């Protein structure tokens, strides 16, 4: 649990699970990232995607590690850079915390569904 705000009237805390969901959701918005095959071969829920995300917070500085599945043919370096930017922006905008790093691991490449072979 990360405390982001403390005032005389009370405080605000964000759970690590919420940070994981923010990061995972932002990552799936990047072109080339496959949500439906989020390393499990099935359509993944936000909570399942968050399991592939690890967030560490120290002194209100966030480090994020996440694993993504990328569409076959996509430029991995461009997809990864887009994921890093989207995740950093989303976490900083929604929480007010600073993101020091977003480390992306490409854990799978997902191709198009195989087409049926024509009958002979």
PDB file of N, CA and C in Angstrom:
ATOM      1  N   UNK A   1       0.844  -1.162   0.000  1.00  0.00           N
ATOM      2  CA  UNK A   1       0.000   0.000   0.000  1.00  0.00           C
ATOM      3  C   UNK A   1       0.895   1.232   0.000  1.00  0.00           C
ATOM      4  N   UNK A   2       0.600   2.153  -0.889  1.00  0.00           N
ATOM      5  CA  UNK A   2       1.396   3.359  -1.021  1.00  0.00           C
ATOM      6  C   UNK A   2       0.583   4.565  -0.582  1.00  0.00           C
ATOM      7  N   UNK A   3       1.101   5.314   0.354  1.00  0.00           N
ATOM      8  CA  UNK A   3       0.423   6.528   0.785  1.00  0.00           C
ATOM      9  C   UNK A   3       0.848   7.654  -0.132  1.00  0.00           C
ATOM     10  N   UNK A   4      -0.132   8.312  -0.772  1.00  0.00           N
ATOM     11  CA  UNK A   4       0.214   9.372  -1.709  1.00  0.00           C
ATOM     12  C   UNK A   4      -0.144  10.758  -1.194  1.00  0.00           C
ATOM     13  N   UNK A   5      -1.007  10.806  -0.165  1.00  0.00           N
ATOM     14  CA  UNK A   5      -1.422  12.112   0.322  1.00  0.00           C
ATOM     15  C   UNK A   5      -1.816  12.001   1.789  1.00  0.00           C
ATOM     16  N   UNK A   6      -1.326  12.931   2.590  1.00  0.00           N
ATOM     17  CA  UNK A   6      -1.690  12.956   4.006  1.00  0.00           C
ATOM     18  C   UNK A   6      -2.005  14.395   4.388  1.00  0.00           C
ATOM     19  N   UNK A   7      -3.199  14.574   4.925  1.00  0.00           N
ATOM     20  CA  UNK A   7      -3.644  15.891   5.341  1.00  0.00           C
ATOM     21  C   UNK A   7      -4.287  15.766   6.716  1.00  0.00           C
ATOM     22  N   UNK A   8      -4.559  16.885   7.359  1.00  0.00           N
ATOM     23  CA  UNK A   8      -5.221  16.821   8.667  1.00  0.00           C
ATOM     24  C   UNK A   8      -6.570  16.100   8.619  1.00  0.00           C
ATOM     25  N   UNK A   9      -7.225  16.129   7.468  1.00  0.00           N
ATOM     26  CA  UNK A   9      -8.544  15.499   7.346  1.00  0.00           C
ATOM     27  C   UNK A   9      -8.460  14.011   7.035  1.00  0.00           C
ATOM     28  N   UNK A  10      -7.290  13.509   6.720  1.00  0.00           N
ATOM     29  CA  UNK A  10      -7.130  12.090   6.408  1.00  0.00           C
ATOM     30  C   UNK A  10      -6.017  11.853   5.411  1.00  0.00           C
ATOM     31  N   UNK A  11      -5.953  10.634   4.896  1.00  0.00           N
ATOM     32  CA  UNK A  11      -4.896  10.278   3.960  1.00  0.00           C
ATOM     33  C   UNK A  11      -5.485   9.478   2.801  1.00  0.00           C
ATOM     34  N   UNK A  12      -4.687   9.372   1.751  1.00  0.00           N
ATOM     35  CA  UNK A  12      -5.062   8.590   0.572  1.00  0.00           C
ATOM     36  C   UNK A  12      -3.975   7.546   0.355  1.00  0.00           C
ATOM     37  N   UNK A  13      -4.395   6.297   0.209  1.00  0.00           N
ATOM     38  CA  UNK A  13      -3.468   5.207  -0.084  1.00  0.00           C
ATOM     39  C   UNK A  13      -3.940   4.487  -1.337  1.00  0.00           C
ATOM     40  N   UNK A  14      -2.975   3.985  -2.093  1.00  0.00           N
ATOM     41  CA  UNK A  14      -3.275   3.203  -3.298  1.00  0.00           C
ATOM     42  C   UNK A  14      -2.611   1.844  -3.130  1.00  0.00           C
ATOM     43  N   UNK A  15      -3.383   0.791  -3.368  1.00  0.00           N
ATOM     44  CA  UNK A  15      -2.815  -0.550  -3.250  1.00  0.00           C
ATOM     45  C   UNK A  15      -1.928  -0.850  -4.458  1.00  0.00           C
ATOM     46  N   UNK A  16      -0.981  -1.754  -4.264  1.00  0.00           N
ATOM     47  CA  UNK A  16      -0.108  -2.163  -5.362  1.00  0.00           C
ATOM     48  C   UNK A  16      -0.915  -2.802  -6.479  1.00  0.00           C
ATOM     49  N   UNK A  17      -1.994  -3.497  -6.140  1.00  0.00           N
ATOM     50  CA  UNK A  17      -2.839  -4.130  -7.164  1.00  0.00           C
ATOM     51  C   UNK A  17      -3.440  -3.076  -8.098  1.00  0.00           C
ATOM     52  N   UNK A  18      -3.844  -1.942  -7.545  1.00  0.00           N
ATOM     53  CA  UNK A  18      -4.397  -0.865  -8.370  1.00  0.00           C
ATOM     54  C   UNK A  18      -3.323  -0.312  -9.302  1.00  0.00           C
ATOM     55  N   UNK A  19      -2.117  -0.124  -8.791  1.00  0.00           N
ATOM     56  CA  UNK A  19      -1.011   0.336  -9.647  1.00  0.00           C
ATOM     57  C   UNK A  19      -0.731  -0.673 -10.756  1.00  0.00           C
ATOM     58  N   UNK A  20      -0.783  -1.965 -10.427  1.00  0.00           N
ATOM     59  CA  UNK A  20      -0.582  -3.004 -11.436  1.00  0.00           C
ATOM     60  C   UNK A  20      -1.645  -2.934 -12.521  1.00  0.00           C
ATOM     61  N   UNK A  21      -2.896  -2.740 -12.134  1.00  0.00           N
ATOM     62  CA  UNK A  21      -3.991  -2.671 -13.104  1.00  0.00           C
ATOM     63  C   UNK A  21      -3.850  -1.433 -13.990  1.00  0.00           C
ATOM     64  N   UNK A  22      -3.483  -0.293 -13.406  1.00  0.00           N
ATOM     65  CA  UNK A  22      -3.262   0.917 -14.202  1.00  0.00           C
ATOM     66  C   UNK A  22      -2.186   0.661 -15.255  1.00  0.00           C
ATOM     67  N   UNK A  23      -1.070   0.079 -14.832  1.00  0.00           N
ATOM     68  CA  UNK A  23       0.042  -0.185 -15.755  1.00  0.00           C
ATOM     69  C   UNK A  23      -0.360  -1.177 -16.836  1.00  0.00           C
ATOM     70  N   UNK A  24      -1.013  -2.266 -16.464  1.00  0.00           N
ATOM     71  CA  UNK A  24      -1.411  -3.287 -17.430  1.00  0.00           C
ATOM     72  C   UNK A  24      -2.422  -2.739 -18.429  1.00  0.00           C
ATOM     73  N   UNK A  25      -3.371  -1.968 -17.942  1.00  0.00           N
ATOM     74  CA  UNK A  25      -4.386  -1.395 -18.835  1.00  0.00           C
ATOM     75  C   UNK A  25      -3.754  -0.426 -19.818  1.00  0.00           C
ATOM     76  N   UNK A  26      -2.870   0.428 -19.343  1.00  0.00           N
ATOM     77  CA  UNK A  26      -2.190   1.374 -20.226  1.00  0.00           C
ATOM     78  C   UNK A  26      -1.357   0.641 -21.273  1.00  0.00           C
ATOM     79  N   UNK A  27      -0.712  -0.442 -20.866  1.00  0.00           N
ATOM     80  CA  UNK A  27       0.122  -1.214 -21.803  1.00  0.00           C
ATOM     81  C   UNK A  27      -0.706  -1.785 -22.948  1.00  0.00           C
ATOM     82  N   UNK A  28      -1.914  -2.241 -22.651  1.00  0.00           N
ATOM     83  CA  UNK A  28      -2.741  -2.864 -23.693  1.00  0.00           C
ATOM     84  C   UNK A  28      -3.290  -1.856 -24.682  1.00  0.00           C
ATOM     85  N   UNK A  29      -3.203  -0.566 -24.369  1.00  0.00           N
ATOM     86  CA  UNK A  29      -3.674   0.462 -25.293  1.00  0.00           C
ATOM     87  C   UNK A  29      -2.682   0.739 -26.416  1.00  0.00           C
ATOM     88  N   UNK A  30      -1.470   0.235 -26.301  1.00  0.00           N
ATOM     89  CA  UNK A  30      -0.453   0.438 -27.341  1.00  0.00           C
ATOM     90  C   UNK A  30      -0.737  -0.465 -28.539  1.00  0.00           C
ATOM     91  N   UNK A  31      -0.592   0.090 -29.731  1.00  0.00           N
ATOM     92  CA  UNK A  31      -0.757  -0.718 -30.940  1.00  0.00           C
ATOM     93  C   UNK A  31       0.299  -1.810 -30.964  1.00  0.00           C
ATOM     94  N   UNK A  32      -0.129  -3.024 -31.271  1.00  0.00           N
ATOM     95  CA  UNK A  32       0.793  -4.145 -31.356  1.00  0.00           C
ATOM     96  C   UNK A  32       0.799  -5.031 -30.129  1.00  0.00           C
ATOM     97  N   UNK A  33       0.224  -4.545 -29.015  1.00  0.00           N
ATOM     98  CA  UNK A  33       0.136  -5.367 -27.811  1.00  0.00           C
ATOM     99  C   UNK A  33      -1.165  -6.152 -27.890  1.00  0.00           C
ATOM    100  N   UNK A  34      -1.066  -7.452 -27.646  1.00  0.00           N
ATOM    101  CA  UNK A  34      -2.222  -8.336 -27.752  1.00  0.00           C
ATOM    102  C   UNK A  34      -2.806  -8.581 -26.375  1.00  0.00           C
ATOM    103  N   UNK A  35      -3.982  -8.034 -26.120  1.00  0.00           N
ATOM    104  CA  UNK A  35      -4.635  -8.267 -24.825  1.00  0.00           C
ATOM    105  C   UNK A  35      -5.241  -9.662 -24.781  1.00  0.00           C
ATOM    106  N   UNK A  36      -5.824 -10.094 -25.877  1.00  0.00           N
ATOM    107  CA  UNK A  36      -6.546 -11.362 -25.876  1.00  0.00           C
ATOM    108  C   UNK A  36      -5.634 -12.552 -25.615  1.00  0.00           C
ATOM    109  N   UNK A  37      -4.375 -12.415 -25.880  1.00  0.00           N
ATOM    110  CA  UNK A  37      -3.460 -13.537 -25.680  1.00  0.00           C
ATOM    111  C   UNK A  37      -2.417 -13.186 -24.641  1.00  0.00           C
ATOM    112  N   UNK A  38      -2.795 -12.436 -23.645  1.00  0.00           N
ATOM    113  CA  UNK A  38      -1.855 -11.919 -22.659  1.00  0.00           C
ATOM    114  C   UNK A  38      -1.111 -13.051 -21.972  1.00  0.00           C
ATOM    115  N   UNK A  39      -0.243 -13.717 -22.705  1.00  0.00           N
ATOM    116  CA  UNK A  39       0.646 -14.773 -22.233  1.00  0.00           C
ATOM    117  C   UNK A  39      -0.074 -16.020 -21.721  1.00  0.00           C
ATOM    118  N   UNK A  40      -1.375 -16.091 -21.926  1.00  0.00           N
ATOM    119  CA  UNK A  40      -2.091 -17.255 -21.423  1.00  0.00           C
ATOM    120  C   UNK A  40      -2.816 -18.004 -22.533  1.00  0.00           C
ATOM    121  N   UNK A  41      -2.879 -17.408 -23.705  1.00  0.00           N
ATOM    122  CA  UNK A  41      -3.571 -18.057 -24.813  1.00  0.00           C
ATOM    123  C   UNK A  41      -5.074 -17.830 -24.787  1.00  0.00           C
ATOM    124  N   UNK A  42      -5.576 -17.123 -23.778  1.00  0.00           N
ATOM    125  CA  UNK A  42      -7.008 -16.846 -23.688  1.00  0.00           C
ATOM    126  C   UNK A  42      -7.213 -15.369 -23.423  1.00  0.00           C
ATOM    127  N   UNK A  43      -8.438 -14.934 -23.599  1.00  0.00           N
ATOM    128  CA  UNK A  43      -8.752 -13.533 -23.331  1.00  0.00           C
ATOM    129  C   UNK A  43      -8.520 -13.270 -21.846  1.00  0.00           C
ATOM    130  N   UNK A  44      -7.688 -12.312 -21.554  1.00  0.00           N
ATOM    131  CA  UNK A  44      -7.288 -12.058 -20.174  1.00  0.00           C
ATOM    132  C   UNK A  44      -8.094 -10.913 -19.574  1.00  0.00           C
ATOM    133  N   UNK A  45      -8.443 -11.055 -18.321  1.00  0.00           N
ATOM    134  CA  UNK A  45      -9.092  -9.967 -17.597  1.00  0.00           C
ATOM    135  C   UNK A  45      -8.015  -8.984 -17.139  1.00  0.00           C
ATOM    136  N   UNK A  46      -8.434  -7.831 -16.665  1.00  0.00           N
ATOM    137  CA  UNK A  46      -7.473  -6.842 -16.172  1.00  0.00           C
ATOM    138  C   UNK A  46      -6.674  -7.399 -14.990  1.00  0.00           C
ATOM    139  N   UNK A  47      -7.321  -8.163 -14.134  1.00  0.00           N
ATOM    140  CA  UNK A  47      -6.603  -8.739 -12.984  1.00  0.00           C
ATOM    141  C   UNK A  47      -5.580  -9.761 -13.452  1.00  0.00           C
ATOM    142  N   UNK A  48      -5.911 -10.560 -14.470  1.00  0.00           N
ATOM    143  CA  UNK A  48      -4.942 -11.525 -14.992  1.00  0.00           C
ATOM    144  C   UNK A  48      -3.763 -10.804 -15.625  1.00  0.00           C
ATOM    145  N   UNK A  49      -4.030  -9.712 -16.352  1.00  0.00           N
ATOM    146  CA  UNK A  49      -2.946  -8.943 -16.967  1.00  0.00           C
ATOM    147  C   UNK A  49      -2.064  -8.328 -15.886  1.00  0.00           C
ATOM    148  N   UNK A  50      -2.670  -7.903 -14.804  1.00  0.00           N
ATOM    149  CA  UNK A  50      -1.908  -7.279 -13.719  1.00  0.00           C
ATOM    150  C   UNK A  50      -0.934  -8.258 -13.086  1.00  0.00           C
ATOM    151  N   UNK A  51      -1.203  -9.560 -13.210  1.00  0.00           N
ATOM    152  CA  UNK A  51      -0.288 -10.557 -12.663  1.00  0.00           C
ATOM    153  C   UNK A  51       1.035 -10.581 -13.435  1.00  0.00           C
ATOM    154  N   UNK A  52       1.035 -10.075 -14.662  1.00  0.00           N
ATOM    155  CA  UNK A  52       2.257  -9.998 -15.468  1.00  0.00           C
ATOM    156  C   UNK A  52       2.953  -8.659 -15.256  1.00  0.00           C
ATOM    157  N   UNK A  53       2.499  -7.913 -14.257  1.00  0.00           N
ATOM    158  CA  UNK A  53       3.035  -6.589 -13.965  1.00  0.00           C
ATOM    159  C   UNK A  53       3.520  -6.561 -12.525  1.00  0.00           C
ATOM    160  N   UNK A  54       4.686  -5.957 -12.315  1.00  0.00           N
ATOM    161  CA  UNK A  54       5.235  -5.836 -10.971  1.00  0.00           C
ATOM    162  C   UNK A  54       5.577  -4.372 -10.733  1.00  0.00           C
ATOM    163  N   UNK A  55       4.995  -3.812  -9.686  1.00  0.00           N
ATOM    164  CA  UNK A  55       5.212  -2.407  -9.355  1.00  0.00           C
ATOM    165  C   UNK A  55       5.878  -2.324  -7.989  1.00  0.00           C
ATOM    166  N   UNK A  56       6.944  -1.545  -7.902  1.00  0.00           N
ATOM    167  CA  UNK A  56       7.625  -1.306  -6.627  1.00  0.00           C
ATOM    168  C   UNK A  56       7.638   0.204  -6.378  1.00  0.00           C
ATOM    169  N   UNK A  57       7.287   0.593  -5.167  1.00  0.00           N
ATOM    170  CA  UNK A  57       7.250   2.008  -4.810  1.00  0.00           C
ATOM    171  C   UNK A  57       8.153   2.245  -3.610  1.00  0.00           C
ATOM    172  N   UNK A  58       9.037   3.227  -3.752  1.00  0.00           N
ATOM    173  CA  UNK A  58       9.914   3.612  -2.645  1.00  0.00           C
ATOM    174  C   UNK A  58      10.009   5.130  -2.647  1.00  0.00           C
ATOM    175  N   UNK A  59       9.637   5.731  -1.526  1.00  0.00           N
ATOM    176  CA  UNK A  59       9.666   7.193  -1.395  1.00  0.00           C
ATOM    177  C   UNK A  59       8.886   7.892  -2.512  1.00  0.00           C
ATOM    178  N   UNK A  60       7.739   7.362  -2.838  1.00  0.00           N
ATOM    179  CA  UNK A  60       6.836   7.894  -3.867  1.00  0.00           C
ATOM    180  C   UNK A  60       7.444   7.875  -5.266  1.00  0.00           C
ATOM    181  N   UNK A  61       8.460   7.039  -5.465  1.00  0.00           N
ATOM    182  CA  UNK A  61       9.064   6.820  -6.782  1.00  0.00           C
ATOM    183  C   UNK A  61       8.706   5.394  -7.204  1.00  0.00           C
ATOM    184  N   UNK A  62       8.151   5.252  -8.411  1.00  0.00           N
ATOM    185  CA  UNK A  62       7.637   3.966  -8.877  1.00  0.00           C
ATOM    186  C   UNK A  62       8.569   3.346  -9.913  1.00  0.00           C
ATOM    187  N   UNK A  63       8.816   2.048  -9.765  1.00  0.00           N
ATOM    188  CA  UNK A  63       9.515   1.249 -10.766  1.00  0.00           C
ATOM    189  C   UNK A  63       8.542   0.167 -11.220  1.00  0.00           C
ATOM    190  N   UNK A  64       8.412   0.014 -12.515  1.00  0.00           N
ATOM    191  CA  UNK A  64       7.436  -0.912 -13.069  1.00  0.00           C
ATOM    192  C   UNK A  64       8.136  -1.905 -13.988  1.00  0.00           C
ATOM    193  N   UNK A  65       7.777  -3.173 -13.828  1.00  0.00           N
ATOM    194  CA  UNK A  65       8.266  -4.227 -14.708  1.00  0.00           C
ATOM    195  C   UNK A  65       7.033  -4.925 -15.252  1.00  0.00           C
ATOM    196  N   UNK A  66       6.949  -5.076 -16.566  1.00  0.00           N
ATOM    197  CA  UNK A  66       5.807  -5.785 -17.106  1.00  0.00           C
ATOM    198  C   UNK A  66       6.202  -6.633 -18.302  1.00  0.00           C
ATOM    199  N   UNK A  67       5.417  -7.663 -18.518  1.00  0.00           N
ATOM    200  CA  UNK A  67       5.636  -8.588 -19.621  1.00  0.00           C
ATOM    201  C   UNK A  67       4.445  -8.486 -20.554  1.00  0.00           C
ATOM    202  N   UNK A  68       4.729  -8.372 -21.863  1.00  0.00           N
ATOM    203  CA  UNK A  68       3.662  -8.202 -22.839  1.00  0.00           C
ATOM    204  C   UNK A  68       3.740  -9.272 -23.924  1.00  0.00           C
ATOM    205  N   UNK A  69       2.631  -9.457 -24.616  1.00  0.00           N
ATOM    206  CA  UNK A  69       2.571 -10.273 -25.826  1.00  0.00           C
ATOM    207  C   UNK A  69       2.402  -9.301 -26.987  1.00  0.00           C
ATOM    208  N   UNK A  70       3.194  -9.481 -28.036  1.00  0.00           N
ATOM    209  CA  UNK A  70       3.204  -8.564 -29.163  1.00  0.00           C
ATOM    210  C   UNK A  70       2.706  -9.285 -30.416  1.00  0.00           C
ATOM    211  N   UNK A  71       1.959  -8.555 -31.215  1.00  0.00           N
ATOM    212  CA  UNK A  71       1.449  -9.081 -32.479  1.00  0.00           C
ATOM    213  C   UNK A  71       2.616  -9.365 -33.428  1.00  0.00           C
ATOM    214  N   UNK A  72       2.582 -10.531 -34.090  1.00  0.00           N
ATOM    215  CA  UNK A  72       3.626 -10.882 -35.048  1.00  0.00           C
ATOM    216  C   UNK A  72       3.676  -9.828 -36.147  1.00  0.00           C
ATOM    217  N   UNK A  73       4.872  -9.383 -36.482  1.00  0.00           N
ATOM    218  CA  UNK A  73       5.074  -8.388 -37.525  1.00  0.00           C
ATOM    219  C   UNK A  73       5.210  -6.973 -36.989  1.00  0.00           C
ATOM    220  N   UNK A  74       4.837  -6.766 -35.744  1.00  0.00           N
ATOM    221  CA  UNK A  74       4.969  -5.434 -35.149  1.00  0.00           C
ATOM    222  C   UNK A  74       6.442  -5.152 -34.855  1.00  0.00           C
ATOM    223  N   UNK A  75       6.812  -3.902 -34.887  1.00  0.00           N
ATOM    224  CA  UNK A  75       8.186  -3.508 -34.571  1.00  0.00           C
ATOM    225  C   UNK A  75       8.318  -3.457 -33.054  1.00  0.00           C
ATOM    226  N   UNK A  76       8.990  -4.463 -32.514  1.00  0.00           N
ATOM    227  CA  UNK A  76       9.050  -4.642 -31.062  1.00  0.00           C
ATOM    228  C   UNK A  76       9.612  -3.411 -30.366  1.00  0.00           C
ATOM    229  N   UNK A  77      10.653  -2.805 -30.908  1.00  0.00           N
ATOM    230  CA  UNK A  77      11.241  -1.633 -30.247  1.00  0.00           C
ATOM    231  C   UNK A  77      10.265  -0.456 -30.223  1.00  0.00           C
ATOM    232  N   UNK A  78       9.450  -0.303 -31.258  1.00  0.00           N
ATOM    233  CA  UNK A  78       8.471   0.782 -31.275  1.00  0.00           C
ATOM    234  C   UNK A  78       7.307   0.491 -30.326  1.00  0.00           C
ATOM    235  N   UNK A  79       6.842  -0.753 -30.324  1.00  0.00           N
ATOM    236  CA  UNK A  79       5.759  -1.143 -29.413  1.00  0.00           C
ATOM    237  C   UNK A  79       6.210  -0.965 -27.972  1.00  0.00           C
ATOM    238  N   UNK A  80       7.407  -1.415 -27.656  1.00  0.00           N
ATOM    239  CA  UNK A  80       7.929  -1.306 -26.285  1.00  0.00           C
ATOM    240  C   UNK A  80       8.065   0.146 -25.850  1.00  0.00           C
ATOM    241  N   UNK A  81       8.565   1.007 -26.726  1.00  0.00           N
ATOM    242  CA  UNK A  81       8.703   2.428 -26.396  1.00  0.00           C
ATOM    243  C   UNK A  81       7.332   3.059 -26.159  1.00  0.00           C
ATOM    244  N   UNK A  82       6.339   2.679 -26.975  1.00  0.00           N
ATOM    245  CA  UNK A  82       4.979   3.187 -26.803  1.00  0.00           C
ATOM    246  C   UNK A  82       4.400   2.714 -25.473  1.00  0.00           C
ATOM    247  N   UNK A  83       4.625   1.449 -25.127  1.00  0.00           N
ATOM    248  CA  UNK A  83       4.153   0.900 -23.854  1.00  0.00           C
ATOM    249  C   UNK A  83       4.785   1.673 -22.699  1.00  0.00           C
ATOM    250  N   UNK A  84       6.088   1.899 -22.759  1.00  0.00           N
ATOM    251  CA  UNK A  84       6.771   2.629 -21.687  1.00  0.00           C
ATOM    252  C   UNK A  84       6.172   4.012 -21.481  1.00  0.00           C
ATOM    253  N   UNK A  85       5.942   4.729 -22.566  1.00  0.00           N
ATOM    254  CA  UNK A  85       5.387   6.082 -22.470  1.00  0.00           C
ATOM    255  C   UNK A  85       3.971   6.057 -21.920  1.00  0.00           C
ATOM    256  N   UNK A  86       3.132   5.169 -22.437  1.00  0.00           N
ATOM    257  CA  UNK A  86       1.734   5.104 -21.991  1.00  0.00           C
ATOM    258  C   UNK A  86       1.625   4.736 -20.505  1.00  0.00           C
ATOM    259  N   UNK A  87       2.428   3.764 -20.093  1.00  0.00           N
ATOM    260  CA  UNK A  87       2.382   3.323 -18.695  1.00  0.00           C
ATOM    261  C   UNK A  87       2.866   4.438 -17.773  1.00  0.00           C
ATOM    262  N   UNK A  88       3.977   5.059 -18.120  1.00  0.00           N
ATOM    263  CA  UNK A  88       4.518   6.164 -17.299  1.00  0.00           C
ATOM    264  C   UNK A  88       3.494   7.287 -17.183  1.00  0.00           C
ATOM    265  N   UNK A  89       2.934   7.707 -18.320  1.00  0.00           N
ATOM    266  CA  UNK A  89       1.960   8.797 -18.308  1.00  0.00           C
ATOM    267  C   UNK A  89       0.718   8.445 -17.486  1.00  0.00           C
ATOM    268  N   UNK A  90       0.209   7.236 -17.651  1.00  0.00           N
ATOM    269  CA  UNK A  90      -1.008   6.831 -16.941  1.00  0.00           C
ATOM    270  C   UNK A  90      -0.787   6.796 -15.430  1.00  0.00           C
ATOM    271  N   UNK A  91       0.301   6.187 -14.994  1.00  0.00           N
ATOM    272  CA  UNK A  91       0.560   6.079 -13.556  1.00  0.00           C
ATOM    273  C   UNK A  91       0.794   7.461 -12.954  1.00  0.00           C
ATOM    274  N   UNK A  92       1.576   8.287 -13.613  1.00  0.00           N
ATOM    275  CA  UNK A  92       1.850   9.625 -13.071  1.00  0.00           C
ATOM    276  C   UNK A  92       0.593  10.489 -13.049  1.00  0.00           C
ATOM    277  N   UNK A  93      -0.206  10.425 -14.106  1.00  0.00           N
ATOM    278  CA  UNK A  93      -1.418  11.240 -14.185  1.00  0.00           C
ATOM    279  C   UNK A  93      -2.458  10.807 -13.158  1.00  0.00           C
ATOM    280  N   UNK A  94      -2.645   9.509 -13.008  1.00  0.00           N
ATOM    281  CA  UNK A  94      -3.706   9.008 -12.135  1.00  0.00           C
ATOM    282  C   UNK A  94      -3.342   9.023 -10.657  1.00  0.00           C
ATOM    283  N   UNK A  95      -2.048   8.959 -10.337  1.00  0.00           N
ATOM    284  CA  UNK A  95      -1.652   8.831  -8.931  1.00  0.00           C
ATOM    285  C   UNK A  95      -0.879  10.021  -8.381  1.00  0.00           C
ATOM    286  N   UNK A  96      -0.240  10.798  -9.237  1.00  0.00           N
ATOM    287  CA  UNK A  96       0.612  11.883  -8.764  1.00  0.00           C
ATOM    288  C   UNK A  96       1.994  11.412  -8.343  1.00  0.00           C
ATOM    289  N   UNK A  97       2.247  10.111  -8.451  1.00  0.00           N
ATOM    290  CA  UNK A  97       3.572   9.560  -8.133  1.00  0.00           C
ATOM    291  C   UNK A  97       4.501   9.758  -9.320  1.00  0.00           C
ATOM    292  N   UNK A  98       5.816   9.711  -9.096  1.00  0.00           N
ATOM    293  CA  UNK A  98       6.804   9.797 -10.169  1.00  0.00           C
ATOM    294  C   UNK A  98       7.223   8.392 -10.571  1.00  0.00           C
ATOM    295  N   UNK A  99       7.308   8.165 -11.879  1.00  0.00           N
ATOM    296  CA  UNK A  99       7.743   6.865 -12.398  1.00  0.00           C
ATOM    297  C   UNK A  99       9.196   6.994 -12.829  1.00  0.00           C
ATOM    298  N   UNK A 100      10.067   6.225 -12.185  1.00  0.00           N
ATOM    299  CA  UNK A 100      11.495   6.262 -12.501  1.00  0.00           C
ATOM    300  C   UNK A 100      11.813   5.413 -13.721  1.00  0.00           C
ATOM    301  N   UNK A 101      11.146   4.246 -13.821  1.00  0.00           N
ATOM    302  CA  UNK A 101      11.455   3.351 -14.935  1.00  0.00           C
ATOM    303  C   UNK A 101      10.270   2.436 -15.226  1.00  0.00           C
ATOM    304  N   UNK A 102      10.172   2.084 -16.506  1.00  0.00           N
ATOM    305  CA  UNK A 102       9.203   1.093 -16.957  1.00  0.00           C
ATOM    306  C   UNK A 102       9.987   0.088 -17.790  1.00  0.00           C
ATOM    307  N   UNK A 103      10.217  -1.092 -17.233  1.00  0.00           N
ATOM    308  CA  UNK A 103      10.972  -2.138 -17.907  1.00  0.00           C
ATOM    309  C   UNK A 103       9.997  -3.098 -18.577  1.00  0.00           C
ATOM    310  N   UNK A 104      10.158  -3.286 -19.884  1.00  0.00           N
ATOM    311  CA  UNK A 104       9.243  -4.111 -20.666  1.00  0.00           C
ATOM    312  C   UNK A 104       9.960  -5.367 -21.131  1.00  0.00           C
ATOM    313  N   UNK A 105       9.326  -6.513 -20.888  1.00  0.00           N
ATOM    314  CA  UNK A 105       9.805  -7.791 -21.406  1.00  0.00           C
ATOM    315  C   UNK A 105       8.778  -8.294 -22.404  1.00  0.00           C
ATOM    316  N   UNK A 106       9.232  -8.653 -23.586  1.00  0.00           N
ATOM    317  CA  UNK A 106       8.340  -9.262 -24.577  1.00  0.00           C
ATOM    318  C   UNK A 106       8.394 -10.758 -24.325  1.00  0.00           C
ATOM    319  N   UNK A 107       7.294 -11.291 -23.805  1.00  0.00           N
ATOM    320  CA  UNK A 107       7.241 -12.696 -23.414  1.00  0.00           C
ATOM    321  C   UNK A 107       6.648 -13.598 -24.470  1.00  0.00           C
ATOM    322  N   UNK A 108       6.006 -13.004 -25.482  1.00  0.00           N
ATOM    323  CA  UNK A 108       5.390 -13.820 -26.532  1.00  0.00           C
ATOM    324  C   UNK A 108       5.160 -12.986 -27.779  1.00  0.00           C
ATOM    325  N   UNK A 109       5.205 -13.651 -28.899  1.00  0.00           N
ATOM    326  CA  UNK A 109       4.817 -13.086 -30.185  1.00  0.00           C
ATOM    327  C   UNK A 109       3.606 -13.891 -30.628  1.00  0.00           C
ATOM    328  N   UNK A 110       2.526 -13.192 -30.960  1.00  0.00           N
ATOM    329  CA  UNK A 110       1.289 -13.880 -31.315  1.00  0.00           C
ATOM    330  C   UNK A 110       0.967 -13.606 -32.770  1.00  0.00           C
ATOM    331  N   UNK A 111       0.820 -14.692 -33.540  1.00  0.00           N
ATOM    332  CA  UNK A 111       0.495 -14.565 -34.957  1.00  0.00           C
ATOM    333  C   UNK A 111      -0.997 -14.588 -35.180  1.00  0.00           C
ATOM    334  N   UNK A 112      -1.371 -14.430 -36.447  1.00  0.00           N
ATOM    335  CA  UNK A 112      -2.781 -14.513 -36.800  1.00  0.00           C
ATOM    336  C   UNK A 112      -3.255 -15.937 -36.618  1.00  0.00           C
ATOM    337  N   UNK A 113      -4.571 -16.088 -36.450  1.00  0.00           N
ATOM    338  CA  UNK A 113      -5.109 -17.429 -36.337  1.00  0.00           C
ATOM    339  C   UNK A 113      -4.814 -18.163 -37.631  1.00  0.00           C
ATOM    340  N   UNK A 114      -4.453 -19.434 -37.482  1.00  0.00           N
ATOM    341  CA  UNK A 114      -4.145 -20.206 -38.679  1.00  0.00           C
ATOM    342  C   UNK A 114      -5.402 -20.391 -39.505  1.00  0.00           C
ATOM    343  N   UNK A 115      -5.247 -20.267 -40.789  1.00  0.00           N
ATOM    344  CA  UNK A 115      -6.387 -20.409 -41.681  1.00  0.00           C
ATOM    345  C   UNK A 115      -6.600 -21.865 -42.010  1.00  0.00           C
ATOM    346  N   UNK A 116      -7.851 -22.188 -42.268  1.00  0.00           N
ATOM    347  CA  UNK A 116      -8.147 -23.574 -42.616  1.00  0.00           C
ATOM    348  C   UNK A 116      -7.519 -23.894 -43.960  1.00  0.00           C
ATOM    349  N   UNK A 117      -6.988 -25.107 -44.063  1.00  0.00           N
ATOM    350  CA  UNK A 117      -6.404 -25.540 -45.327  1.00  0.00           C
ATOM    351  C   UNK A 117      -7.550 -25.888 -46.284  1.00  0.00           C
ATOM    352  N   UNK A 118      -7.395 -25.505 -47.551  1.00  0.00           N
ATOM    353  CA  UNK A 118      -8.447 -25.841 -48.504  1.00  0.00           C
ATOM    354  C   UNK A 118      -8.547 -27.355 -48.683  1.00  0.00           C
ATOM    355  N   UNK A 119      -9.796 -27.822 -48.815  1.00  0.00           N
ATOM    356  CA  UNK A 119     -10.010 -29.257 -49.015  1.00  0.00           C
ATOM    357  C   UNK A 119      -9.620 -29.609 -50.429  1.00  0.00           C
ATOM    358  N   UNK A 120      -8.985 -30.758 -50.592  1.00  0.00           N
ATOM    359  CA  UNK A 120      -8.570 -31.185 -51.933  1.00  0.00           C
ATOM    360  C   UNK A 120      -9.403 -32.314 -52.437  1.00  0.00           C
TER     361      UNK A 120
END
